[in-house]
């Protein structure tokens, strides 16, 4: 069940004089001297919203007249940060990411953190896990991470977009707890899974069981998954009849393991095809690597809503 909470801001984040001065110093890569359009959270109206589930975690701040700032972590993936805006005023290119002090800490210095790519899209800025952690560290210090970039509609206007640290710690604690409870994989990673087999192998290895355990964990957590197709295949080496039997053994080894782990047998449809040429990944095997790719059992998960 997804859960959302909101943490309200209690003060406005204002652009410092130092920020305006700094903007004029990075004309070639970030902004031009001139007017500044600033986008920061409003007083008492917008804060950090935490959206939690075992499938994904989101930490969101509304930025009036711009859009939202989002820390997002999907199960099985790395965390990322992005800005979402229906019509971003930032020009495509590279923005300067700075760390600004809040109004009551003018004793702290403005710091340049990095240059960040800007795209003309509804997600104009996307940062990877390392850059996201940098933002989190600055927010944890009570600083105001701010992106500076020239406006797409004017060479003499710059755009500053900042996120507020007010009550960030409380919201981040819940977000971080959500991250620890995420499933090991997401549906996209297991929807079409392949279990590869060694030559002559008939029983599941520990590594294969671990792969299937991730699928079982997801299936138990997502009631929308209603069916699984299990298909067994071999390479072309050896006798066709023996290969058909080997593919049957392997496919049912997977089926049996899933049932042992608590998956409803009625959800499973198991078939086997041996070395039938039209089902090989590599039709004309020329090497051991080609045969390795063809020795496999595939699983195809079906989820309500996705099959429509």
Foldseek 3Di string as FASTA:
>chain_A
DKDKDFDWAADWFDDDPVNLVVQCVPLVAFAHAAAEAEWEDDHGPWGWMWIFDQAKIWTWTATPPFGIWIFIDGAQDFIKIWGFGPFHQFDFGKWWKWWAAGPVPPVDDIGTDDIFGADGDRGRGMGGRVVVVVVVVSLVVQIKIKIKHYTPVDRNYIYIYIYGSGCVVVSVVVRVVRVVSHQNDHCVVAQKDKDFDDVPDQADDPVSLVVVVSVLVVCVVAVQFQAKEKEFEAAPPDDQVVQQVSRVSNSVNSLVSSVVSPDDNVRYDYYYDGHPQVPQPDNDDDDPVSRRRGGIMIMHIDGPPVVD
